[in-house]
């Protein structure tokens, strides 16, 4: 079950910390590419996608 999400992309809002971060880690451990959207600085996207 290690690669359950291989070749999939998970977009996680609020994923820079807390429960969202744990969700990101779980998706990554299952083989997914993870994109994080959060107002907290992170490696992917910082800001509010509603303003873009």
PDB file of N, CA and C in Angstrom:
ATOM      1  N   UNK A   1       0.817  -1.197   0.000  1.00  0.00           N
ATOM      2  CA  UNK A   1       0.000   0.000   0.000  1.00  0.00           C
ATOM      3  C   UNK A   1       0.862   1.261   0.000  1.00  0.00           C
ATOM      4  N   UNK A   2       2.169   1.114  -0.071  1.00  0.00           N
ATOM      5  CA  UNK A   2       3.082   2.249  -0.008  1.00  0.00           C
ATOM      6  C   UNK A   2       2.910   3.213  -1.176  1.00  0.00           C
ATOM      7  N   UNK A   3       2.532   2.744  -2.348  1.00  0.00           N
ATOM      8  CA  UNK A   3       2.399   3.602  -3.518  1.00  0.00           C
ATOM      9  C   UNK A   3       0.954   3.739  -3.963  1.00  0.00           C
ATOM     10  N   UNK A   4       0.046   3.763  -3.036  1.00  0.00           N
ATOM     11  CA  UNK A   4      -1.380   3.850  -3.337  1.00  0.00           C
ATOM     12  C   UNK A   4      -1.724   5.057  -4.206  1.00  0.00           C
ATOM     13  N   UNK A   5      -1.029   6.181  -3.999  1.00  0.00           N
ATOM     14  CA  UNK A   5      -1.319   7.404  -4.737  1.00  0.00           C
ATOM     15  C   UNK A   5      -0.214   7.770  -5.727  1.00  0.00           C
ATOM     16  N   UNK A   6       0.556   6.786  -6.165  1.00  0.00           N
ATOM     17  CA  UNK A   6       1.612   7.041  -7.144  1.00  0.00           C
ATOM     18  C   UNK A   6       0.997   7.606  -8.418  1.00  0.00           C
ATOM     19  N   UNK A   7       1.676   8.588  -9.025  1.00  0.00           N
ATOM     20  CA  UNK A   7       1.210   9.284 -10.234  1.00  0.00           C
ATOM     21  C   UNK A   7      -0.044  10.120  -9.993  1.00  0.00           C
ATOM     22  N   UNK A   8      -0.291  10.479  -8.749  1.00  0.00           N
ATOM     23  CA  UNK A   8      -1.422  11.345  -8.395  1.00  0.00           C
ATOM     24  C   UNK A   8      -0.874  12.615  -7.756  1.00  0.00           C
ATOM     25  N   UNK A   9      -1.654  13.690  -7.845  1.00  0.00           N
ATOM     26  CA  UNK A   9      -1.293  14.957  -7.217  1.00  0.00           C
ATOM     27  C   UNK A   9      -2.352  15.296  -6.183  1.00  0.00           C
ATOM     28  N   UNK A  10      -1.909  15.615  -4.977  1.00  0.00           N
ATOM     29  CA  UNK A  10      -2.808  16.053  -3.910  1.00  0.00           C
ATOM     30  C   UNK A  10      -2.558  17.537  -3.657  1.00  0.00           C
ATOM     31  N   UNK A  11      -3.615  18.329  -3.703  1.00  0.00           N
ATOM     32  CA  UNK A  11      -3.521  19.754  -3.386  1.00  0.00           C
ATOM     33  C   UNK A  11      -4.136  19.927  -2.000  1.00  0.00           C
ATOM     34  N   UNK A  12      -3.324  20.366  -1.056  1.00  0.00           N
ATOM     35  CA  UNK A  12      -3.747  20.465   0.336  1.00  0.00           C
ATOM     36  C   UNK A  12      -3.785  21.929   0.739  1.00  0.00           C
ATOM     37  N   UNK A  13      -4.955  22.420   1.124  1.00  0.00           N
ATOM     38  CA  UNK A  13      -5.058  23.780   1.646  1.00  0.00           C
ATOM     39  C   UNK A  13      -4.809  23.717   3.149  1.00  0.00           C
ATOM     40  N   UNK A  14      -4.067  24.686   3.650  1.00  0.00           N
ATOM     41  CA  UNK A  14      -3.738  24.697   5.073  1.00  0.00           C
ATOM     42  C   UNK A  14      -2.743  23.607   5.432  1.00  0.00           C
ATOM     43  N   UNK A  15      -1.865  23.262   4.501  1.00  0.00           N
ATOM     44  CA  UNK A  15      -0.965  22.135   4.708  1.00  0.00           C
ATOM     45  C   UNK A  15       0.412  22.473   5.235  1.00  0.00           C
ATOM     46  N   UNK A  16       0.665  23.723   5.597  1.00  0.00           N
ATOM     47  CA  UNK A  16       2.000  24.098   6.061  1.00  0.00           C
ATOM     48  C   UNK A  16       2.264  23.710   7.505  1.00  0.00           C
ATOM     49  N   UNK A  17       1.199  23.470   8.281  1.00  0.00           N
ATOM     50  CA  UNK A  17       1.395  23.105   9.686  1.00  0.00           C
ATOM     51  C   UNK A  17       0.165  22.366  10.217  1.00  0.00           C
ATOM     52  N   UNK A  18       0.300  21.851  11.411  1.00  0.00           N
ATOM     53  CA  UNK A  18      -0.815  21.205  12.098  1.00  0.00           C
ATOM     54  C   UNK A  18      -1.346  19.967  11.393  1.00  0.00           C
ATOM     55  N   UNK A  19      -2.670  19.793  11.447  1.00  0.00           N
ATOM     56  CA  UNK A  19      -3.322  18.629  10.845  1.00  0.00           C
ATOM     57  C   UNK A  19      -3.063  18.590   9.344  1.00  0.00           C
ATOM     58  N   UNK A  20      -3.099  19.756   8.685  1.00  0.00           N
ATOM     59  CA  UNK A  20      -2.831  19.804   7.248  1.00  0.00           C
ATOM     60  C   UNK A  20      -1.458  19.260   6.905  1.00  0.00           C
ATOM     61  N   UNK A  21      -0.473  19.569   7.730  1.00  0.00           N
ATOM     62  CA  UNK A  21       0.892  19.062   7.519  1.00  0.00           C
ATOM     63  C   UNK A  21       0.928  17.543   7.648  1.00  0.00           C
ATOM     64  N   UNK A  22       0.198  17.015   8.627  1.00  0.00           N
ATOM     65  CA  UNK A  22       0.124  15.560   8.807  1.00  0.00           C
ATOM     66  C   UNK A  22      -0.524  14.897   7.589  1.00  0.00           C
ATOM     67  N   UNK A  23      -1.557  15.534   7.052  1.00  0.00           N
ATOM     68  CA  UNK A  23      -2.214  15.005   5.859  1.00  0.00           C
ATOM     69  C   UNK A  23      -1.230  14.989   4.690  1.00  0.00           C
ATOM     70  N   UNK A  24      -0.464  16.066   4.539  1.00  0.00           N
ATOM     71  CA  UNK A  24       0.559  16.119   3.482  1.00  0.00           C
ATOM     72  C   UNK A  24       1.549  14.977   3.628  1.00  0.00           C
ATOM     73  N   UNK A  25       2.024  14.773   4.843  1.00  0.00           N
ATOM     74  CA  UNK A  25       2.996  13.709   5.084  1.00  0.00           C
ATOM     75  C   UNK A  25       2.422  12.339   4.746  1.00  0.00           C
ATOM     76  N   UNK A  26       1.155  12.114   5.059  1.00  0.00           N
ATOM     77  CA  UNK A  26       0.525  10.827   4.750  1.00  0.00           C
ATOM     78  C   UNK A  26       0.419  10.621   3.239  1.00  0.00           C
ATOM     79  N   UNK A  27      -0.020  11.665   2.509  1.00  0.00           N
ATOM     80  CA  UNK A  27      -0.098  11.539   1.052  1.00  0.00           C
ATOM     81  C   UNK A  27       1.280  11.276   0.455  1.00  0.00           C
ATOM     82  N   UNK A  28       2.302  11.992   0.944  1.00  0.00           N
ATOM     83  CA  UNK A  28       3.665  11.777   0.447  1.00  0.00           C
ATOM     84  C   UNK A  28       4.125  10.349   0.717  1.00  0.00           C
ATOM     85  N   UNK A  29       3.820   9.829   1.906  1.00  0.00           N
ATOM     86  CA  UNK A  29       4.246   8.474   2.247  1.00  0.00           C
ATOM     87  C   UNK A  29       3.554   7.423   1.383  1.00  0.00           C
ATOM     88  N   UNK A  30       2.413   7.796   0.796  1.00  0.00           N
ATOM     89  CA  UNK A  30       1.671   6.889  -0.079  1.00  0.00           C
ATOM     90  C   UNK A  30       2.010   7.106  -1.555  1.00  0.00           C
ATOM     91  N   UNK A  31       3.023   7.949  -1.834  1.00  0.00           N
ATOM     92  CA  UNK A  31       3.525   8.107  -3.193  1.00  0.00           C
ATOM     93  C   UNK A  31       2.987   9.295  -3.972  1.00  0.00           C
ATOM     94  N   UNK A  32       2.141  10.127  -3.389  1.00  0.00           N
ATOM     95  CA  UNK A  32       1.557  11.271  -4.106  1.00  0.00           C
ATOM     96  C   UNK A  32       2.539  12.431  -4.187  1.00  0.00           C
ATOM     97  N   UNK A  33       2.411  13.219  -5.255  1.00  0.00           N
ATOM     98  CA  UNK A  33       3.070  14.518  -5.330  1.00  0.00           C
ATOM     99  C   UNK A  33       2.133  15.466  -4.579  1.00  0.00           C
ATOM    100  N   UNK A  34       2.660  16.255  -3.669  1.00  0.00           N
ATOM    101  CA  UNK A  34       1.816  17.096  -2.815  1.00  0.00           C
ATOM    102  C   UNK A  34       2.111  18.569  -3.076  1.00  0.00           C
ATOM    103  N   UNK A  35       1.058  19.344  -3.305  1.00  0.00           N
ATOM    104  CA  UNK A  35       1.147  20.793  -3.447  1.00  0.00           C
ATOM    105  C   UNK A  35       0.401  21.428  -2.281  1.00  0.00           C
ATOM    106  N   UNK A  36       1.056  22.353  -1.617  1.00  0.00           N
ATOM    107  CA  UNK A  36       0.488  22.988  -0.427  1.00  0.00           C
ATOM    108  C   UNK A  36       0.092  24.425  -0.749  1.00  0.00           C
ATOM    109  N   UNK A  37      -1.113  24.788  -0.337  1.00  0.00           N
ATOM    110  CA  UNK A  37      -1.589  26.166  -0.422  1.00  0.00           C
ATOM    111  C   UNK A  37      -1.882  26.601   1.006  1.00  0.00           C
ATOM    112  N   UNK A  38      -1.217  27.661   1.456  1.00  0.00           N
ATOM    113  CA  UNK A  38      -1.412  28.116   2.838  1.00  0.00           C
ATOM    114  C   UNK A  38      -1.001  29.575   2.947  1.00  0.00           C
ATOM    115  N   UNK A  39      -1.533  30.271   3.933  1.00  0.00           N
ATOM    116  CA  UNK A  39      -1.098  31.646   4.174  1.00  0.00           C
ATOM    117  C   UNK A  39       0.212  31.672   4.952  1.00  0.00           C
ATOM    118  N   UNK A  40       0.588  30.540   5.532  1.00  0.00           N
ATOM    119  CA  UNK A  40       1.861  30.390   6.224  1.00  0.00           C
ATOM    120  C   UNK A  40       2.928  30.072   5.174  1.00  0.00           C
ATOM    121  N   UNK A  41       4.105  30.699   5.227  1.00  0.00           N
ATOM    122  CA  UNK A  41       5.153  30.415   4.247  1.00  0.00           C
ATOM    123  C   UNK A  41       5.450  28.918   4.148  1.00  0.00           C
ATOM    124  N   UNK A  42       5.581  28.430   2.903  1.00  0.00           N
ATOM    125  CA  UNK A  42       5.876  27.023   2.646  1.00  0.00           C
ATOM    126  C   UNK A  42       6.571  26.914   1.298  1.00  0.00           C
ATOM    127  N   UNK A  43       6.904  25.691   0.895  1.00  0.00           N
ATOM    128  CA  UNK A  43       7.675  25.472  -0.335  1.00  0.00           C
ATOM    129  C   UNK A  43       6.851  25.596  -1.609  1.00  0.00           C
ATOM    130  N   UNK A  44       5.528  25.679  -1.533  1.00  0.00           N
ATOM    131  CA  UNK A  44       4.703  25.631  -2.733  1.00  0.00           C
ATOM    132  C   UNK A  44       4.018  26.947  -3.039  1.00  0.00           C
ATOM    133  N   UNK A  45       2.980  27.292  -2.310  1.00  0.00           N
ATOM    134  CA  UNK A  45       2.213  28.501  -2.591  1.00  0.00           C
ATOM    135  C   UNK A  45       1.827  29.162  -1.280  1.00  0.00           C
ATOM    136  N   UNK A  46       2.137  30.443  -1.171  1.00  0.00           N
ATOM    137  CA  UNK A  46       1.765  31.198   0.013  1.00  0.00           C
ATOM    138  C   UNK A  46       0.780  32.270  -0.407  1.00  0.00           C
ATOM    139  N   UNK A  47      -0.369  32.290   0.214  1.00  0.00           N
ATOM    140  CA  UNK A  47      -1.367  33.296  -0.096  1.00  0.00           C
ATOM    141  C   UNK A  47      -2.758  32.728  -0.104  1.00  0.00           C
ATOM    142  N   UNK A  48      -3.648  33.461  -0.716  1.00  0.00           N
ATOM    143  CA  UNK A  48      -5.051  33.083  -0.805  1.00  0.00           C
ATOM    144  C   UNK A  48      -5.396  32.889  -2.272  1.00  0.00           C
ATOM    145  N   UNK A  49      -5.710  31.669  -2.694  1.00  0.00           N
ATOM    146  CA  UNK A  49      -5.970  31.423  -4.109  1.00  0.00           C
ATOM    147  C   UNK A  49      -7.221  32.134  -4.573  1.00  0.00           C
ATOM    148  N   UNK A  50      -8.070  32.567  -3.674  1.00  0.00           N
ATOM    149  CA  UNK A  50      -9.269  33.315  -4.061  1.00  0.00           C
ATOM    150  C   UNK A  50      -8.949  34.699  -4.597  1.00  0.00           C
ATOM    151  N   UNK A  51      -7.763  35.208  -4.296  1.00  0.00           N
ATOM    152  CA  UNK A  51      -7.347  36.532  -4.770  1.00  0.00           C
ATOM    153  C   UNK A  51      -6.548  36.463  -6.057  1.00  0.00           C
ATOM    154  N   UNK A  52      -6.386  35.314  -6.647  1.00  0.00           N
ATOM    155  CA  UNK A  52      -5.555  35.170  -7.857  1.00  0.00           C
ATOM    156  C   UNK A  52      -6.411  35.056  -9.077  1.00  0.00           C
TER     157      UNK A  52
END
